[in-house]
């Protein structure tokens, strides 16, 4: 298999892993919102969760993008996904033991957003190193498709799954998606740009 085909195949593999992880994250994000509303009966805590899961990304994006250009992108993605998986594991353990509280969800949302702010630029920058120039439009279209799926599909899927398997089942799905995404990243090779 020539270098260009191998690069595109590697990208598709990473894309599938990241898409799976994004769907898992979207499921848990929506479900935590439902859980908070169920616990408090108020919309304000739900809005606070959205705030904590958005603001760190906005503030850290410039720094994260600069670091993704300098550091090993594969390691950034593995560390970010692993730490996000640990947050999900912590959430699951607290939920199972009855110790999960609303303020903890704020904290988990904040740190999840911090880790995502580093993961996304490393993922985007890796595309250029993997995909042949004539396939960049196709690759970027797939990335945009993944983001659209996360935005549109996960709330519908989470709503259906929440009624069927509950918060615990969704947490298990999210953990499995993180394990899958990290496993993919460990297996594939992502070239680094040459230092000037």
Protein backbone atom coordinates (compact mmCIF):
# COMPACT_ATOMS: atom_id res chain seq x y z
CA UNK A 1 0.00 0.00 0.00
CA UNK A 2 1.51 3.34 -0.98
CA UNK A 3 2.15 6.16 1.51
CA UNK A 4 -0.87 8.26 0.45
CA UNK A 5 -3.37 5.43 0.77
CA UNK A 6 -1.89 4.40 4.11
CA UNK A 7 -2.17 8.02 5.36
CA UNK A 8 -5.83 8.23 4.36
CA UNK A 9 -6.55 4.83 5.92
CA UNK A 10 -4.87 5.95 9.17
CA UNK A 11 -6.92 9.15 9.13
CA UNK A 12 -10.19 7.22 8.65
CA UNK A 13 -9.23 4.94 11.56
CA UNK A 14 -8.51 7.93 13.83
CA UNK A 15 -11.67 9.67 12.63
CA UNK A 16 -13.80 6.66 13.55
CA UNK A 17 -12.20 6.52 17.00
CA UNK A 18 -12.72 10.24 17.59
CA UNK A 19 -16.28 10.14 16.22
CA UNK A 20 -17.10 7.32 18.62
CA UNK A 21 -15.59 9.29 21.49
CA UNK A 22 -17.47 12.46 20.49
CA UNK A 23 -20.76 10.56 20.44
CA UNK A 24 -20.00 9.12 23.89
CA UNK A 25 -19.14 12.60 25.20
CA UNK A 26 -22.30 14.04 23.68
CA UNK A 27 -24.41 11.31 25.27
CA UNK A 28 -22.98 11.93 28.72
CA UNK A 29 -23.16 15.71 28.37
CA UNK A 30 -26.85 15.58 27.53
CA UNK A 31 -27.58 12.96 30.18
CA UNK A 32 -25.84 14.95 32.91
CA UNK A 33 -28.04 17.90 31.98
CA UNK A 34 -31.13 15.73 32.37
CA UNK A 35 -29.78 14.35 35.65
CA UNK A 36 -29.17 17.86 37.00
CA UNK A 37 -32.66 18.98 36.05
CA UNK A 38 -34.09 15.84 37.65
CA UNK A 39 -32.14 16.56 40.86
CA UNK A 40 -32.84 20.29 41.11
CA UNK A 41 -35.99 20.92 39.06
CA UNK A 42 -34.33 24.14 37.84
CA UNK A 43 -32.90 25.27 34.51
CA UNK A 44 -30.12 27.45 35.98
CA UNK A 45 -27.87 24.53 37.04
CA UNK A 46 -28.26 23.07 33.55
CA UNK A 47 -27.14 26.40 32.07
CA UNK A 48 -24.21 26.53 34.48
CA UNK A 49 -23.08 23.11 33.27
CA UNK A 50 -23.18 24.36 29.68
CA UNK A 51 -21.16 27.41 30.72
CA UNK A 52 -18.50 25.32 32.48
CA UNK A 53 -18.23 23.02 29.47
CA UNK A 54 -17.81 25.90 26.98
CA UNK A 55 -15.77 28.72 28.54
CA UNK A 56 -12.50 26.78 29.07
CA UNK A 57 -12.48 25.77 25.40
CA UNK A 58 -12.89 29.38 24.33
CA UNK A 59 -10.18 30.66 26.65
CA UNK A 60 -7.65 27.87 26.10
CA UNK A 61 -7.99 27.39 22.33
CA UNK A 62 -5.19 29.81 21.34
CA UNK A 63 -2.74 28.25 23.82
CA UNK A 64 -3.81 24.70 22.95
CA UNK A 65 -3.36 25.36 19.23
CA UNK A 66 0.16 26.71 19.77
CA UNK A 67 1.10 23.70 21.91
CA UNK A 68 -0.32 21.28 19.33
CA UNK A 69 2.10 22.78 16.82
CA UNK A 70 5.07 22.21 19.14
CA UNK A 71 4.31 19.01 21.05
CA UNK A 72 3.66 15.46 19.94
CA UNK A 73 0.08 15.47 18.68
CA UNK A 74 -0.51 11.79 19.27
CA UNK A 75 0.51 12.13 22.92
CA UNK A 76 -1.70 15.19 23.37
CA UNK A 77 -4.70 13.29 22.02
CA UNK A 78 -3.99 10.17 24.09
CA UNK A 79 -3.52 12.17 27.29
CA UNK A 80 -6.61 14.31 26.65
CA UNK A 81 -8.82 11.32 25.85
CA UNK A 82 -7.45 9.35 28.81
CA UNK A 83 -8.09 12.18 31.26
CA UNK A 84 -11.61 12.63 29.87
CA UNK A 85 -12.16 8.91 30.35
CA UNK A 86 -11.02 9.22 33.98
CA UNK A 87 -13.56 11.99 34.51
CA UNK A 88 -16.28 9.71 33.16
CA UNK A 89 -15.07 6.88 35.40
CA UNK A 90 -15.15 9.21 38.41
CA UNK A 91 -18.65 10.34 37.50
CA UNK A 92 -19.77 6.72 37.18
CA UNK A 93 -18.31 5.74 40.55
CA UNK A 94 -19.90 8.72 42.30
CA UNK A 95 -23.26 8.02 40.65
CA UNK A 96 -23.15 4.32 41.60
CA UNK A 97 -22.30 5.14 45.21
CA UNK A 98 -24.92 7.90 45.44
CA UNK A 99 -22.27 10.57 46.00
CA UNK A 100 -22.70 12.59 42.80
CA UNK A 101 -23.69 16.18 43.47
CA UNK A 102 -24.48 19.07 41.16
CA UNK A 103 -21.33 21.05 41.99
CA UNK A 104 -19.26 18.00 41.02
CA UNK A 105 -20.89 17.99 37.60
CA UNK A 106 -19.77 21.62 37.17
CA UNK A 107 -16.23 20.61 38.07
CA UNK A 108 -16.24 17.59 35.75
CA UNK A 109 -17.67 19.71 32.91
CA UNK A 110 -14.93 22.29 33.44
CA UNK A 111 -12.09 19.76 33.33
CA UNK A 112 -13.66 17.86 30.44
CA UNK A 113 -13.71 21.12 28.48
CA UNK A 114 -10.07 21.82 29.38
CA UNK A 115 -9.00 18.41 28.06
CA UNK A 116 -11.11 18.78 24.91
CA UNK A 117 -9.54 22.18 24.23
CA UNK A 118 -6.15 20.44 23.86
CA UNK A 119 -7.44 17.37 22.05
CA UNK A 120 -9.22 19.16 19.20
CA UNK A 121 -6.31 21.23 17.82
CA UNK A 122 -3.97 18.23 18.03
CA UNK A 123 -6.53 16.19 16.08
CA UNK A 124 -7.02 18.92 13.47
CA UNK A 125 -3.29 19.48 13.04
CA UNK A 126 -2.71 15.74 12.58
CA UNK A 127 -4.95 15.66 9.54
CA UNK A 128 -2.49 17.71 7.49
CA UNK A 129 0.32 15.30 8.37
CA UNK A 130 -1.68 12.18 7.49
CA UNK A 131 -3.82 13.01 4.49
CA UNK A 132 -2.52 13.67 0.95
CA UNK A 133 -3.16 17.24 -0.22
CA UNK A 134 -5.69 16.13 -2.81
CA UNK A 135 -7.72 14.41 -0.04
CA UNK A 136 -7.71 17.27 2.50
CA UNK A 137 -11.16 18.51 1.45
CA UNK A 138 -12.59 15.03 1.90
CA UNK A 139 -10.89 14.64 5.30
CA UNK A 140 -12.08 18.04 6.54
CA UNK A 141 -15.59 17.21 5.34
CA UNK A 142 -15.52 14.05 7.44
CA UNK A 143 -14.38 16.04 10.48
CA UNK A 144 -17.25 18.50 9.94
CA UNK A 145 -19.65 15.57 9.51
CA UNK A 146 -18.45 14.15 12.84
CA UNK A 147 -19.10 17.47 14.58
CA UNK A 148 -22.57 17.66 13.02
CA UNK A 149 -23.34 14.11 14.15
CA UNK A 150 -22.24 15.02 17.68
CA UNK A 151 -24.41 18.15 17.69
CA UNK A 152 -27.54 16.72 16.07
CA UNK A 153 -27.59 12.98 16.73
CA UNK A 154 -26.36 12.71 20.30
CA UNK A 155 -29.22 14.64 21.97
CA UNK A 156 -31.77 12.43 20.18
CA UNK A 157 -29.84 9.27 20.95
CA UNK A 158 -29.21 10.32 24.56
CA UNK A 159 -32.89 11.08 25.08
CA UNK A 160 -33.86 7.64 23.82
CA UNK A 161 -31.10 5.82 25.71
CA UNK A 162 -31.73 7.70 28.95
CA UNK A 163 -35.22 6.24 29.07
CA UNK A 164 -34.02 2.74 28.15
CA UNK A 165 -30.77 2.22 30.04
CA UNK A 166 -30.56 5.25 32.34
CA UNK A 167 -27.58 7.31 33.35
CA UNK A 168 -25.52 4.28 34.40
CA UNK A 169 -25.87 2.65 30.99
CA UNK A 170 -24.87 5.87 29.24
CA UNK A 171 -21.81 6.19 31.48
CA UNK A 172 -20.78 2.67 30.47
CA UNK A 173 -21.20 3.56 26.78
CA UNK A 174 -19.09 6.68 27.30
CA UNK A 175 -16.30 4.70 29.00
CA UNK A 176 -16.29 2.16 26.17
CA UNK A 177 -16.05 4.94 23.57
CA UNK A 178 -13.06 6.48 25.37
CA UNK A 179 -11.30 3.13 25.58
CA UNK A 180 -11.90 2.58 21.86
CA UNK A 181 -10.62 6.06 20.93
CA UNK A 182 -7.45 5.73 23.06
CA UNK A 183 -6.77 2.22 21.74
CA UNK A 184 -6.98 3.51 18.17
CA UNK A 185 -4.57 6.35 18.98
CA UNK A 186 -2.09 3.97 20.60
CA UNK A 187 -2.11 1.68 17.56
CA UNK A 188 -1.80 4.22 14.73
CA UNK A 189 1.22 6.29 13.76
CA UNK A 190 0.83 10.05 13.44
CA UNK A 191 3.79 11.78 11.81
CA UNK A 192 5.15 14.93 13.39
CA UNK A 193 6.10 17.99 11.34
CA UNK A 194 9.81 18.43 10.75
CA UNK A 195 11.47 20.90 13.10
CA UNK A 196 12.95 23.90 11.33
